[in-house]
Amino acid sequence: MASFNKVILMGNLTRDPEVRYTPSGTAVSEVGLAVNRTWFDKQTNQKKEEVTFVDVTLWGRQAEVAGEYLGKGRGVLIEGRLQLDQWDDKETGQKRSKLRVVGESMTMLPGRGDGAPQRSGGGQNFNAGGGAPAANAAPASDAPAANAAPASDGPAAPAAGGFETGGGSAPPDDDVPF
């Protein structure tokens, strides 16, 4: 039988991440994520909101990045897998279990709770394989990508960030509120 275990969540951190280290030196961080769902209830003619709280475990460089750059209220997109933890309660002797998400990729989102200026190009993506930006992450500089299409005789299309790269001009420096 085929199986597929993938979770994609976008929400805000419920607390500041705390980084701990295993005896072998691997960083681990437990973060809480609040995921909001809104809908319109036709029976009561009102907008409703529901919040789901999810525990996420980050390992390695992801955990270190979370501890250094993330704080309570900061938006983050997590891709990962579900894991069921089971144990015996020492006080009652009952079997207990908890479903959590093990983060495999983390993208820091611009917005509230970060306190630092953000580029309009989007968040930085860190994957579980060492913390280097993932292939779909925004480029770290405004320089054209190495695999950009060659120049043509016609008008150039804007680059991925929405700005033309011709002439070495930088994107406009305006105060966008997001």
C-alpha atoms as a PDB file:
ATOM      1  CA  MET A   1       0.000   0.000   0.000  1.00  0.00           C
ATOM      2  CA  ALA A   2       1.333   3.445  -0.931  1.00  0.00           C
ATOM      3  CA  SER A   3       1.675   6.149   1.700  1.00  0.00           C
ATOM      4  CA  PHE A   4       2.432   9.857   1.676  1.00  0.00           C
ATOM      5  CA  ASN A   5       3.274  11.951   4.741  1.00  0.00           C
ATOM      6  CA  LYS A   6       3.576  15.670   3.908  1.00  0.00           C
ATOM      7  CA  VAL A   7       2.389  18.739   5.801  1.00  0.00           C
ATOM      8  CA  ILE A   8       2.456  22.363   4.670  1.00  0.00           C
ATOM      9  CA  LEU A   9       1.544  24.973   7.287  1.00  0.00           C
ATOM     10  CA  MET A  10       1.679  28.764   7.309  1.00  0.00           C
ATOM     11  CA  GLY A  11       1.076  30.659  10.516  1.00  0.00           C
ATOM     12  CA  ASN A  12       2.604  32.701  13.324  1.00  0.00           C
ATOM     13  CA  LEU A  13       4.897  31.536  16.109  1.00  0.00           C
ATOM     14  CA  THR A  14       3.227  31.356  19.518  1.00  0.00           C
ATOM     15  CA  ARG A  15       6.496  31.773  21.446  1.00  0.00           C
ATOM     16  CA  ASP A  16      10.170  32.542  20.940  1.00  0.00           C
ATOM     17  CA  PRO A  17      12.093  29.454  19.772  1.00  0.00           C
ATOM     18  CA  GLU A  18      14.539  27.941  22.243  1.00  0.00           C
ATOM     19  CA  VAL A  19      17.453  26.020  20.781  1.00  0.00           C
ATOM     20  CA  ARG A  20      18.868  23.015  22.643  1.00  0.00           C
ATOM     21  CA  TYR A  21      21.593  20.615  21.591  1.00  0.00           C
ATOM     22  CA  THR A  22      21.682  16.829  21.673  1.00  0.00           C
ATOM     23  CA  PRO A  23      24.715  15.112  23.274  1.00  0.00           C
ATOM     24  CA  SER A  24      26.121  14.650  19.757  1.00  0.00           C
ATOM     25  CA  GLY A  25      25.881  18.426  19.104  1.00  0.00           C
ATOM     26  CA  THR A  26      22.821  18.538  16.836  1.00  0.00           C
ATOM     27  CA  ALA A  27      20.615  21.602  17.351  1.00  0.00           C
ATOM     28  CA  VAL A  28      16.900  21.028  18.045  1.00  0.00           C
ATOM     29  CA  SER A  29      14.134  23.559  18.571  1.00  0.00           C
ATOM     30  CA  GLU A  30      10.491  23.105  19.504  1.00  0.00           C
ATOM     31  CA  VAL A  31       8.257  25.882  18.194  1.00  0.00           C
ATOM     32  CA  GLY A  32       4.548  26.465  18.463  1.00  0.00           C
ATOM     33  CA  LEU A  33       2.639  27.559  15.370  1.00  0.00           C
ATOM     34  CA  ALA A  34      -0.808  29.186  15.325  1.00  0.00           C
ATOM     35  CA  VAL A  35      -2.646  28.531  12.066  1.00  0.00           C
ATOM     36  CA  ASN A  36      -5.799  30.578  11.449  1.00  0.00           C
ATOM     37  CA  ARG A  37      -8.800  29.500   9.404  1.00  0.00           C
ATOM     38  CA  THR A  38     -11.556  31.958   8.518  1.00  0.00           C
ATOM     39  CA  TRP A  39     -14.867  31.281   6.847  1.00  0.00           C
ATOM     40  CA  PHE A  40     -18.271  32.848   6.411  1.00  0.00           C
ATOM     41  CA  ASP A  41     -21.121  31.140   8.244  1.00  0.00           C
ATOM     42  CA  LYS A  42     -24.218  31.506   6.056  1.00  0.00           C
ATOM     43  CA  GLN A  43     -26.587  30.472   8.863  1.00  0.00           C
ATOM     44  CA  THR A  44     -25.508  33.261  11.228  1.00  0.00           C
ATOM     45  CA  ASN A  45     -24.389  35.628   8.441  1.00  0.00           C
ATOM     46  CA  GLN A  46     -21.068  36.186  10.251  1.00  0.00           C
ATOM     47  CA  LYS A  47     -17.412  35.744   9.561  1.00  0.00           C
ATOM     48  CA  LYS A  48     -15.941  33.049  11.832  1.00  0.00           C
ATOM     49  CA  GLU A  49     -12.360  32.284  12.791  1.00  0.00           C
ATOM     50  CA  GLU A  50     -10.734  29.176  14.207  1.00  0.00           C
ATOM     51  CA  VAL A  51      -7.149  28.864  15.444  1.00  0.00           C
ATOM     52  CA  THR A  52      -5.249  25.569  15.457  1.00  0.00           C
ATOM     53  CA  PHE A  53      -2.067  25.266  17.511  1.00  0.00           C
ATOM     54  CA  VAL A  54       0.594  22.922  16.142  1.00  0.00           C
ATOM     55  CA  ASP A  55       3.881  21.823  17.717  1.00  0.00           C
ATOM     56  CA  VAL A  56       6.783  21.772  15.247  1.00  0.00           C
ATOM     57  CA  THR A  57      10.250  20.289  15.783  1.00  0.00           C
ATOM     58  CA  LEU A  58      13.151  21.762  13.815  1.00  0.00           C
ATOM     59  CA  TRP A  59      16.558  20.090  13.587  1.00  0.00           C
ATOM     60  CA  GLY A  60      20.085  21.165  12.655  1.00  0.00           C
ATOM     61  CA  ARG A  61      20.678  24.481  10.925  1.00  0.00           C
ATOM     62  CA  GLN A  62      16.921  25.126  10.716  1.00  0.00           C
ATOM     63  CA  ALA A  63      16.723  25.069  14.530  1.00  0.00           C
ATOM     64  CA  GLU A  64      19.668  27.456  14.819  1.00  0.00           C
ATOM     65  CA  VAL A  65      18.180  29.869  12.255  1.00  0.00           C
ATOM     66  CA  ALA A  66      14.835  29.799  14.073  1.00  0.00           C
ATOM     67  CA  GLY A  67      16.509  30.579  17.383  1.00  0.00           C
ATOM     68  CA  GLU A  68      18.528  33.423  15.914  1.00  0.00           C
ATOM     69  CA  TYR A  69      16.026  35.119  13.599  1.00  0.00           C
ATOM     70  CA  LEU A  70      12.496  34.154  14.647  1.00  0.00           C
ATOM     71  CA  GLY A  71      10.385  35.435  17.507  1.00  0.00           C
ATOM     72  CA  LYS A  72       6.853  35.283  18.840  1.00  0.00           C
ATOM     73  CA  GLY A  73       4.336  36.483  16.261  1.00  0.00           C
ATOM     74  CA  ARG A  74       6.659  36.041  13.278  1.00  0.00           C
ATOM     75  CA  GLY A  75       5.144  34.457  10.194  1.00  0.00           C
ATOM     76  CA  VAL A  76       6.664  31.236   8.935  1.00  0.00           C
ATOM     77  CA  LEU A  77       5.875  28.572   6.357  1.00  0.00           C
ATOM     78  CA  ILE A  78       6.793  25.036   7.394  1.00  0.00           C
ATOM     79  CA  GLU A  79       6.922  21.973   5.182  1.00  0.00           C
ATOM     80  CA  GLY A  80       7.422  18.685   6.940  1.00  0.00           C
ATOM     81  CA  ARG A  81       5.942  15.386   8.011  1.00  0.00           C
ATOM     82  CA  LEU A  82       3.690  14.138  10.791  1.00  0.00           C
ATOM     83  CA  GLN A  83       5.203  12.103  13.610  1.00  0.00           C
ATOM     84  CA  LEU A  84       3.352  10.354  16.430  1.00  0.00           C
ATOM     85  CA  ASP A  85       5.165  10.393  19.772  1.00  0.00           C
ATOM     86  CA  GLN A  86       4.049   7.771  22.328  1.00  0.00           C
ATOM     87  CA  TRP A  87       5.025   7.374  25.984  1.00  0.00           C
ATOM     88  CA  ASP A  88       3.782   6.116  29.355  1.00  0.00           C
ATOM     89  CA  ASP A  89       2.645   8.811  31.782  1.00  0.00           C
ATOM     90  CA  LYS A  90       4.784   8.441  34.931  1.00  0.00           C
ATOM     91  CA  GLU A  91       2.050   9.800  37.217  1.00  0.00           C
ATOM     92  CA  THR A  92      -0.965   7.835  35.947  1.00  0.00           C
ATOM     93  CA  GLY A  93       0.715   4.941  34.146  1.00  0.00           C
ATOM     94  CA  GLN A  94      -1.498   5.541  31.102  1.00  0.00           C
ATOM     95  CA  LYS A  95      -0.244   5.448  27.545  1.00  0.00           C
ATOM     96  CA  ARG A  96      -0.082   8.930  26.030  1.00  0.00           C
ATOM     97  CA  SER A  97       0.482  10.114  22.478  1.00  0.00           C
ATOM     98  CA  LYS A  98       0.989  13.410  20.687  1.00  0.00           C
ATOM     99  CA  LEU A  99       0.992  14.233  16.990  1.00  0.00           C
ATOM    100  CA  ARG A 100       3.635  16.747  15.939  1.00  0.00           C
ATOM    101  CA  VAL A 101       5.189  18.099  12.745  1.00  0.00           C
ATOM    102  CA  VAL A 102       8.870  17.505  12.034  1.00  0.00           C
ATOM    103  CA  GLY A 103       9.988  20.450   9.908  1.00  0.00           C
ATOM    104  CA  GLU A 104      11.934  19.609   6.768  1.00  0.00           C
ATOM    105  CA  SER A 105      11.814  23.077   5.170  1.00  0.00           C
ATOM    106  CA  MET A 106      11.228  26.487   6.742  1.00  0.00           C
ATOM    107  CA  THR A 107      10.547  29.817   5.038  1.00  0.00           C
ATOM    108  CA  MET A 108      10.608  32.967   7.143  1.00  0.00           C
ATOM    109  CA  LEU A 109       7.825  35.287   6.030  1.00  0.00           C
ATOM    110  CA  PRO A 110       8.012  39.071   6.088  1.00  0.00           C
ATOM    111  CA  GLY A 111       5.563  40.785   8.342  1.00  0.00           C
ATOM    112  CA  ARG A 112       4.580  41.366  11.924  1.00  0.00           C
ATOM    113  CA  GLY A 113       6.735  40.418  14.831  1.00  0.00           C
ATOM    114  CA  ASP A 114      10.077  40.574  13.049  1.00  0.00           C
ATOM    115  CA  GLY A 115      11.270  44.067  13.972  1.00  0.00           C
ATOM    116  CA  ALA A 116      13.783  44.025  11.114  1.00  0.00           C
ATOM    117  CA  PRO A 117      13.432  45.602   7.691  1.00  0.00           C
ATOM    118  CA  GLN A 118      12.407  43.147   5.017  1.00  0.00           C
ATOM    119  CA  ARG A 119      13.119  43.044   1.321  1.00  0.00           C
ATOM    120  CA  SER A 120      10.031  42.956  -0.819  1.00  0.00           C
ATOM    121  CA  GLY A 121      11.356  39.820  -2.548  1.00  0.00           C
ATOM    122  CA  GLY A 122       9.863  37.412   0.005  1.00  0.00           C
ATOM    123  CA  GLY A 123      11.129  35.188   2.777  1.00  0.00           C
ATOM    124  CA  GLN A 124      14.305  33.174   3.107  1.00  0.00           C
ATOM    125  CA  ASN A 125      13.889  29.414   2.741  1.00  0.00           C
ATOM    126  CA  PHE A 126      15.958  26.959   4.761  1.00  0.00           C
ATOM    127  CA  ASN A 127      15.746  23.238   4.087  1.00  0.00           C
ATOM    128  CA  ALA A 128      16.660  20.368   6.362  1.00  0.00           C
ATOM    129  CA  GLY A 129      19.784  19.503   4.384  1.00  0.00           C
ATOM    130  CA  GLY A 130      22.200  21.884   6.058  1.00  0.00           C
ATOM    131  CA  GLY A 131      20.202  25.117   6.076  1.00  0.00           C
ATOM    132  CA  ALA A 132      21.270  26.437   2.703  1.00  0.00           C
ATOM    133  CA  PRO A 133      18.566  28.315   0.845  1.00  0.00           C
ATOM    134  CA  ALA A 134      16.358  25.983  -1.122  1.00  0.00           C
ATOM    135  CA  ALA A 135      16.183  26.097  -4.894  1.00  0.00           C
ATOM    136  CA  ASN A 136      12.925  28.041  -4.842  1.00  0.00           C
ATOM    137  CA  ALA A 137      14.161  30.680  -2.388  1.00  0.00           C
ATOM    138  CA  ALA A 138      14.512  34.312  -3.390  1.00  0.00           C
ATOM    139  CA  PRO A 139      18.005  35.191  -4.651  1.00  0.00           C
ATOM    140  CA  ALA A 140      20.286  36.783  -2.091  1.00  0.00           C
ATOM    141  CA  SER A 141      21.300  39.645  -4.407  1.00  0.00           C
ATOM    142  CA  ASP A 142      19.770  41.800  -7.080  1.00  0.00           C
ATOM    143  CA  ALA A 143      22.166  40.443  -9.711  1.00  0.00           C
ATOM    144  CA  PRO A 144      20.611  38.492 -12.578  1.00  0.00           C
ATOM    145  CA  ALA A 145      20.584  34.739 -12.169  1.00  0.00           C
ATOM    146  CA  ALA A 146      23.351  32.741 -13.808  1.00  0.00           C
ATOM    147  CA  ASN A 147      20.814  30.764 -15.806  1.00  0.00           C
ATOM    148  CA  ALA A 148      18.954  33.835 -17.098  1.00  0.00           C
ATOM    149  CA  ALA A 149      17.824  33.776 -20.693  1.00  0.00           C
ATOM    150  CA  PRO A 150      20.130  35.464 -23.215  1.00  0.00           C
ATOM    151  CA  ALA A 151      19.293  38.987 -24.324  1.00  0.00           C
ATOM    152  CA  SER A 152      17.055  39.368 -27.359  1.00  0.00           C
ATOM    153  CA  ASP A 153      16.332  42.164 -29.809  1.00  0.00           C
ATOM    154  CA  GLY A 154      12.865  42.784 -28.345  1.00  0.00           C
ATOM    155  CA  PRO A 155      11.977  44.561 -25.115  1.00  0.00           C
ATOM    156  CA  ALA A 156      13.210  42.772 -22.005  1.00  0.00           C
ATOM    157  CA  ALA A 157      10.685  41.204 -19.687  1.00  0.00           C
ATOM    158  CA  PRO A 158      10.883  42.175 -16.006  1.00  0.00           C
ATOM    159  CA  ALA A 159      12.971  39.907 -13.776  1.00  0.00           C
ATOM    160  CA  ALA A 160      11.388  37.596 -11.207  1.00  0.00           C
ATOM    161  CA  GLY A 161      11.198  40.393  -8.607  1.00  0.00           C
ATOM    162  CA  GLY A 162       9.214  42.615 -10.998  1.00  0.00           C
ATOM    163  CA  PHE A 163      12.107  44.975 -11.796  1.00  0.00           C
ATOM    164  CA  GLU A 164      14.008  45.180 -15.029  1.00  0.00           C
ATOM    165  CA  THR A 165      17.618  44.115 -14.690  1.00  0.00           C
ATOM    166  CA  GLY A 166      18.924  46.000 -17.732  1.00  0.00           C
ATOM    167  CA  GLY A 167      21.213  48.997 -17.188  1.00  0.00           C
ATOM    168  CA  GLY A 168      22.286  47.936 -13.696  1.00  0.00           C
ATOM    169  CA  SER A 169      19.522  49.926 -12.024  1.00  0.00           C
ATOM    170  CA  ALA A 170      18.418  48.886  -8.570  1.00  0.00           C
ATOM    171  CA  PRO A 171      14.789  48.440  -7.561  1.00  0.00           C
ATOM    172  CA  PRO A 172      13.079  51.593  -6.321  1.00  0.00           C
ATOM    173  CA  ASP A 173      13.682  52.404  -2.676  1.00  0.00           C
ATOM    174  CA  ASP A 174      10.225  53.281  -1.406  1.00  0.00           C
ATOM    175  CA  ASP A 175       8.547  52.695   1.922  1.00  0.00           C
ATOM    176  CA  VAL A 176       6.091  49.901   1.206  1.00  0.00           C
ATOM    177  CA  PRO A 177       4.138  48.988   4.375  1.00  0.00           C
ATOM    178  CA  PHE A 178       4.635  45.244   4.014  1.00  0.00           C
END
